[in-house]
C-alpha atoms as a PDB file:
ATOM      1  CA  MET A   1     -18.750 -23.818   1.007  1.00  0.00           C
ATOM      2  CA  ALA A   2     -16.142 -21.290   2.108  1.00  0.00           C
ATOM      3  CA  SER A   3     -16.190 -17.751   0.786  1.00  0.00           C
ATOM      4  CA  VAL A   4     -13.456 -15.215   0.103  1.00  0.00           C
ATOM      5  CA  ASN A   5     -13.654 -11.435   0.362  1.00  0.00           C
ATOM      6  CA  LYS A   6     -10.211 -10.165  -0.682  1.00  0.00           C
ATOM      7  CA  VAL A   7      -9.196  -7.074  -2.636  1.00  0.00           C
ATOM      8  CA  ILE A   8      -5.704  -6.201  -3.866  1.00  0.00           C
ATOM      9  CA  LEU A   9      -5.123  -2.784  -5.432  1.00  0.00           C
ATOM     10  CA  VAL A  10      -2.095  -0.893  -6.696  1.00  0.00           C
ATOM     11  CA  GLY A  11      -2.782   2.714  -7.562  1.00  0.00           C
ATOM     12  CA  ASN A  12      -2.290   6.401  -6.821  1.00  0.00           C
ATOM     13  CA  LEU A  13      -4.054   8.680  -4.356  1.00  0.00           C
ATOM     14  CA  GLY A  14      -6.324  11.244  -5.991  1.00  0.00           C
ATOM     15  CA  ALA A  15      -6.211  13.588  -2.978  1.00  0.00           C
ATOM     16  CA  ASP A  16      -4.602  13.865   0.439  1.00  0.00           C
ATOM     17  CA  PRO A  17      -6.014  11.420   3.029  1.00  0.00           C
ATOM     18  CA  GLU A  18      -8.995  12.566   5.099  1.00  0.00           C
ATOM     19  CA  VAL A  19      -8.544  11.639   8.754  1.00  0.00           C
ATOM     20  CA  ARG A  20     -10.994  11.779  11.637  1.00  0.00           C
ATOM     21  CA  TYR A  21     -11.045  10.332  15.126  1.00  0.00           C
ATOM     22  CA  LEU A  22     -13.774   8.198  16.679  1.00  0.00           C
ATOM     23  CA  PRO A  23     -15.025   8.969  20.221  1.00  0.00           C
ATOM     24  CA  SER A  24     -12.841   6.057  21.374  1.00  0.00           C
ATOM     25  CA  GLY A  25      -9.786   7.934  20.070  1.00  0.00           C
ATOM     26  CA  ASP A  26      -9.134   5.526  17.188  1.00  0.00           C
ATOM     27  CA  ALA A  27      -8.110   7.117  13.896  1.00  0.00           C
ATOM     28  CA  VAL A  28     -10.030   6.555  10.651  1.00  0.00           C
ATOM     29  CA  ALA A  29      -8.449   7.573   7.338  1.00  0.00           C
ATOM     30  CA  ASN A  30     -10.216   7.612   3.982  1.00  0.00           C
ATOM     31  CA  ILE A  31      -8.569   7.873   0.590  1.00  0.00           C
ATOM     32  CA  ARG A  32      -9.655   7.806  -3.043  1.00  0.00           C
ATOM     33  CA  LEU A  33      -7.411   5.466  -5.021  1.00  0.00           C
ATOM     34  CA  ALA A  34      -7.146   5.509  -8.815  1.00  0.00           C
ATOM     35  CA  THR A  35      -6.319   2.338 -10.737  1.00  0.00           C
ATOM     36  CA  THR A  36      -5.837   2.441 -14.492  1.00  0.00           C
ATOM     37  CA  ASP A  37      -6.318  -0.380 -16.997  1.00  0.00           C
ATOM     38  CA  ARG A  38      -4.766  -0.110 -20.437  1.00  0.00           C
ATOM     39  CA  TYR A  39      -6.248  -1.953 -23.380  1.00  0.00           C
ATOM     40  CA  LYS A  40      -6.128  -1.971 -27.158  1.00  0.00           C
ATOM     41  CA  ASP A  41      -9.290  -0.818 -28.914  1.00  0.00           C
ATOM     42  CA  LYS A  42     -10.191  -3.490 -31.490  1.00  0.00           C
ATOM     43  CA  ALA A  43     -11.907  -1.023 -33.813  1.00  0.00           C
ATOM     44  CA  SER A  44      -9.198   1.649 -34.025  1.00  0.00           C
ATOM     45  CA  GLY A  45      -6.130  -0.289 -32.894  1.00  0.00           C
ATOM     46  CA  ASP A  46      -5.273   2.528 -30.472  1.00  0.00           C
ATOM     47  CA  PHE A  47      -4.327   1.950 -26.862  1.00  0.00           C
ATOM     48  CA  LYS A  48      -6.836   3.402 -24.410  1.00  0.00           C
ATOM     49  CA  GLU A  49      -6.911   3.857 -20.658  1.00  0.00           C
ATOM     50  CA  MET A  50      -9.788   3.355 -18.261  1.00  0.00           C
ATOM     51  CA  THR A  51      -9.443   4.720 -14.726  1.00  0.00           C
ATOM     52  CA  GLU A  52     -11.474   3.380 -11.803  1.00  0.00           C
ATOM     53  CA  TRP A  53     -11.776   5.227  -8.490  1.00  0.00           C
ATOM     54  CA  HIS A  54     -11.963   3.272  -5.230  1.00  0.00           C
ATOM     55  CA  ARG A  55     -12.839   4.402  -1.705  1.00  0.00           C
ATOM     56  CA  VAL A  56     -10.464   2.895   0.845  1.00  0.00           C
ATOM     57  CA  ALA A  57     -10.835   3.087   4.643  1.00  0.00           C
ATOM     58  CA  PHE A  58      -8.030   2.546   7.170  1.00  0.00           C
ATOM     59  CA  PHE A  59      -8.450   2.140  10.922  1.00  0.00           C
ATOM     60  CA  GLY A  60      -6.252   2.501  14.011  1.00  0.00           C
ATOM     61  CA  ARG A  61      -2.479   2.704  13.674  1.00  0.00           C
ATOM     62  CA  LEU A  62      -2.656   2.070   9.928  1.00  0.00           C
ATOM     63  CA  ALA A  63      -4.850   5.181   9.566  1.00  0.00           C
ATOM     64  CA  GLU A  64      -2.260   7.246  11.446  1.00  0.00           C
ATOM     65  CA  ILE A  65       0.512   5.963   9.164  1.00  0.00           C
ATOM     66  CA  VAL A  66      -1.576   6.814   6.085  1.00  0.00           C
ATOM     67  CA  ASN A  67      -2.138  10.325   7.422  1.00  0.00           C
ATOM     68  CA  GLU A  68       1.550  10.842   8.145  1.00  0.00           C
ATOM     69  CA  TYR A  69       3.171   9.411   5.017  1.00  0.00           C
ATOM     70  CA  LEU A  70       0.709   9.467   2.111  1.00  0.00           C
ATOM     71  CA  LYS A  71      -0.310  12.455   0.037  1.00  0.00           C
ATOM     72  CA  LYS A  72      -1.959  13.182  -3.292  1.00  0.00           C
ATOM     73  CA  GLY A  73      -0.176  11.251  -6.043  1.00  0.00           C
ATOM     74  CA  SER A  74       1.421   8.688  -3.695  1.00  0.00           C
ATOM     75  CA  SER A  75       1.673   5.211  -5.168  1.00  0.00           C
ATOM     76  CA  VAL A  76       0.454   2.470  -2.844  1.00  0.00           C
ATOM     77  CA  TYR A  77      -0.285  -1.272  -2.648  1.00  0.00           C
ATOM     78  CA  ILE A  78      -3.349  -2.180  -0.581  1.00  0.00           C
ATOM     79  CA  GLU A  79      -4.880  -5.449   0.589  1.00  0.00           C
ATOM     80  CA  GLY A  80      -8.275  -5.509   2.202  1.00  0.00           C
ATOM     81  CA  ARG A  81     -11.905  -6.573   1.915  1.00  0.00           C
ATOM     82  CA  LEU A  82     -15.052  -5.143   0.378  1.00  0.00           C
ATOM     83  CA  ARG A  83     -17.696  -3.648   2.645  1.00  0.00           C
ATOM     84  CA  THR A  84     -21.057  -2.194   1.667  1.00  0.00           C
ATOM     85  CA  ARG A  85     -22.697   0.294   4.013  1.00  0.00           C
ATOM     86  CA  LYS A  86     -26.330   1.363   4.070  1.00  0.00           C
ATOM     87  CA  TRP A  87     -27.162   4.948   5.033  1.00  0.00           C
ATOM     88  CA  GLN A  88     -29.936   7.488   4.606  1.00  0.00           C
ATOM     89  CA  GLY A  89     -29.551  10.563   2.446  1.00  0.00           C
ATOM     90  CA  GLN A  90     -30.957  13.989   3.307  1.00  0.00           C
ATOM     91  CA  ASP A  91     -34.060  13.094   1.331  1.00  0.00           C
ATOM     92  CA  GLY A  92     -34.690  10.069   3.575  1.00  0.00           C
ATOM     93  CA  GLN A  93     -33.888   7.550   0.845  1.00  0.00           C
ATOM     94  CA  ASP A  94     -31.686   4.562   1.603  1.00  0.00           C
ATOM     95  CA  ARG A  95     -28.310   4.764  -0.068  1.00  0.00           C
ATOM     96  CA  TYR A  96     -25.479   2.260  -0.352  1.00  0.00           C
ATOM     97  CA  SER A  97     -21.720   2.788  -0.504  1.00  0.00           C
ATOM     98  CA  THR A  98     -19.147   0.124  -1.274  1.00  0.00           C
ATOM     99  CA  GLU A  99     -15.598   0.624  -0.054  1.00  0.00           C
ATOM    100  CA  ILE A 100     -12.445  -1.325   0.676  1.00  0.00           C
ATOM    101  CA  VAL A 101     -11.454  -1.761   4.318  1.00  0.00           C
ATOM    102  CA  ALA A 102      -7.669  -2.031   4.202  1.00  0.00           C
ATOM    103  CA  ASP A 103      -5.874  -4.654   6.271  1.00  0.00           C
ATOM    104  CA  GLN A 104      -2.440  -4.034   4.782  1.00  0.00           C
ATOM    105  CA  MET A 105      -0.714  -1.190   2.987  1.00  0.00           C
ATOM    106  CA  GLN A 106       2.675  -0.845   1.336  1.00  0.00           C
ATOM    107  CA  MET A 107       4.018   2.466   0.122  1.00  0.00           C
ATOM    108  CA  LEU A 108       5.553   2.197  -3.331  1.00  0.00           C
ATOM    109  CA  GLY A 109       8.016   4.476  -5.054  1.00  0.00           C
ATOM    110  CA  GLY A 110      11.495   5.704  -4.249  1.00  0.00           C
ATOM    111  CA  ARG A 111      12.837   7.079  -1.010  1.00  0.00           C
ATOM    112  CA  GLY A 112      12.384  10.639  -2.233  1.00  0.00           C
ATOM    113  CA  GLY A 113       8.675  10.024  -2.649  1.00  0.00           C
ATOM    114  CA  SER A 114       6.253   8.433  -0.248  1.00  0.00           C
ATOM    115  CA  GLY A 115       8.352   5.362   0.513  1.00  0.00           C
ATOM    116  CA  GLY A 116       9.852   4.606   3.868  1.00  0.00           C
ATOM    117  CA  GLY A 117      10.366   1.909   6.411  1.00  0.00           C
ATOM    118  CA  GLY A 118       7.670   0.782   8.748  1.00  0.00           C
ATOM    119  CA  GLY A 119       6.448  -1.939  11.004  1.00  0.00           C
ATOM    120  CA  GLY A 120       3.315  -3.868  11.536  1.00  0.00           C
ATOM    121  CA  GLY A 121       1.609  -6.471  13.580  1.00  0.00           C
ATOM    122  CA  ASP A 122       0.613  -9.978  12.665  1.00  0.00           C
ATOM    123  CA  ASP A 123      -2.812 -10.120  11.081  1.00  0.00           C
ATOM    124  CA  GLY A 124      -3.246 -13.814  11.808  1.00  0.00           C
ATOM    125  CA  TYR A 125      -2.702 -15.012   8.246  1.00  0.00           C
ATOM    126  CA  GLY A 126       0.847 -16.175   8.821  1.00  0.00           C
ATOM    127  CA  GLY A 127       3.818 -15.263   6.711  1.00  0.00           C
ATOM    128  CA  GLY A 128       6.084 -12.353   7.409  1.00  0.00           C
ATOM    129  CA  GLY A 129       5.881  -8.961   5.758  1.00  0.00           C
ATOM    130  CA  TYR A 130       6.771  -8.409   2.160  1.00  0.00           C
ATOM    131  CA  GLY A 131      10.379  -7.615   2.832  1.00  0.00           C
ATOM    132  CA  GLY A 132      10.390  -4.276   1.037  1.00  0.00           C
ATOM    133  CA  GLY A 133      12.712  -4.715  -2.017  1.00  0.00           C
ATOM    134  CA  GLY A 134      15.263  -2.043  -2.734  1.00  0.00           C
ATOM    135  CA  GLY A 135      13.719   1.387  -2.600  1.00  0.00           C
ATOM    136  CA  ARG A 136      10.155   0.076  -2.700  1.00  0.00           C
ATOM    137  CA  GLY A 137       8.941   1.541   0.559  1.00  0.00           C
ATOM    138  CA  GLY A 138       7.542   0.080   3.730  1.00  0.00           C
ATOM    139  CA  ASP A 139       5.066  -2.648   4.507  1.00  0.00           C
ATOM    140  CA  MET A 140       2.423  -1.952   7.102  1.00  0.00           C
ATOM    141  CA  GLU A 141      -0.189  -4.324   8.450  1.00  0.00           C
ATOM    142  CA  ARG A 142      -3.192  -3.404  10.548  1.00  0.00           C
ATOM    143  CA  GLY A 143      -2.981  -4.351  14.178  1.00  0.00           C
ATOM    144  CA  GLY A 144       0.083  -2.795  15.742  1.00  0.00           C
ATOM    145  CA  GLY A 145       2.904  -0.362  15.461  1.00  0.00           C
ATOM    146  CA  GLY A 146       5.774  -2.538  16.575  1.00  0.00           C
ATOM    147  CA  GLY A 147       7.026  -5.784  15.211  1.00  0.00           C
ATOM    148  CA  ARG A 148       8.833  -6.402  11.979  1.00  0.00           C
ATOM    149  CA  ALA A 149      10.733  -3.615  10.340  1.00  0.00           C
ATOM    150  CA  SER A 150      10.845  -3.860   6.610  1.00  0.00           C
ATOM    151  CA  GLY A 151      11.541  -1.711   3.644  1.00  0.00           C
ATOM    152  CA  GLY A 152      14.787  -0.503   2.279  1.00  0.00           C
ATOM    153  CA  GLY A 153      16.613  -3.833   2.349  1.00  0.00           C
ATOM    154  CA  GLY A 154      17.324  -6.067  -0.601  1.00  0.00           C
ATOM    155  CA  GLY A 155      14.932  -8.810   0.479  1.00  0.00           C
ATOM    156  CA  ALA A 156      12.743 -10.616  -1.991  1.00  0.00           C
ATOM    157  CA  SER A 157       9.207  -9.486  -2.558  1.00  0.00           C
ATOM    158  CA  ARG A 158       6.478 -12.042  -2.047  1.00  0.00           C
ATOM    159  CA  GLY A 159       5.410 -12.103  -5.677  1.00  0.00           C
ATOM    160  CA  GLY A 160       8.599 -11.409  -7.561  1.00  0.00           C
ATOM    161  CA  SER A 161      12.334 -11.370  -7.649  1.00  0.00           C
ATOM    162  CA  GLY A 162      14.555  -9.753  -5.053  1.00  0.00           C
ATOM    163  CA  GLY A 163      16.559  -6.654  -5.562  1.00  0.00           C
ATOM    164  CA  GLY A 164      13.958  -4.147  -6.664  1.00  0.00           C
ATOM    165  CA  GLY A 165      14.827  -0.927  -8.429  1.00  0.00           C
ATOM    166  CA  SER A 166      17.703   0.599  -6.543  1.00  0.00           C
ATOM    167  CA  SER A 167      18.911   3.855  -8.045  1.00  0.00           C
ATOM    168  CA  ARG A 168      22.483   3.592  -6.717  1.00  0.00           C
ATOM    169  CA  PRO A 169      25.160   3.321  -9.408  1.00  0.00           C
ATOM    170  CA  SER A 170      26.886  -0.040  -9.564  1.00  0.00           C
ATOM    171  CA  GLN A 171      30.246  -0.301  -7.868  1.00  0.00           C
ATOM    172  CA  PRO A 172      33.306  -1.591  -9.732  1.00  0.00           C
ATOM    173  CA  ALA A 173      34.230  -5.194  -9.032  1.00  0.00           C
ATOM    174  CA  GLY A 174      37.369  -6.060  -7.133  1.00  0.00           C
ATOM    175  CA  GLY A 175      38.849  -5.217  -3.786  1.00  0.00           C
ATOM    176  CA  GLY A 176      37.626  -8.322  -1.979  1.00  0.00           C
ATOM    177  CA  LEU A 177      35.874  -8.615   1.356  1.00  0.00           C
ATOM    178  CA  ASP A 178      37.610  -5.619   2.938  1.00  0.00           C
ATOM    179  CA  GLU A 179      35.584  -3.172   0.830  1.00  0.00           C
ATOM    180  CA  MET A 180      32.193  -4.750   1.531  1.00  0.00           C
ATOM    181  CA  ASP A 181      29.647  -2.675   3.414  1.00  0.00           C
ATOM    182  CA  ASP A 182      29.081  -3.777   7.010  1.00  0.00           C
ATOM    183  CA  ASP A 183      25.315  -3.230   6.754  1.00  0.00           C
ATOM    184  CA  ILE A 184      24.002  -6.548   5.520  1.00  0.00           C
ATOM    185  CA  PRO A 185      20.263  -6.286   4.757  1.00  0.00           C
ATOM    186  CA  PHE A 186      19.328  -9.654   6.219  1.00  0.00           C
END
């Protein structure tokens, strides 16, 4: 039977990314990502929050992008897989750490925040990037710096409606085709 190891997280960075370089020159970035669940307490009827902290590792070009654009408090969407590592502590005891190895990352939030355009390579799973939605940020996939540019446009997101949350005021109707902007997002 086939197995699946897939993680999808949307959360906020708890600290600035930590970046190091392997002897091969490849970048490795590590972040701590907070996700918060809200639920209603049955006993008191009050709404409560429960925050989980996740270790996320990025490699190669994606690690460099994380280092350049993300900072403490940045909101981010991440796809990846779980990995458990075994290591020895200073006391000689075996220890285990579970982390997410990110394959894809999309910066969320407005243009004034951590959002921005970006590119990515094809990760072999087909489908094009997420198309960015208005003001949502950029979509980056592991495996290359060139390729599709996304973000900023009014394209539809994979899981929702198009448009997004643009903060531009609406323009009055009328005027016809002569007043239309020449920059068409598709």
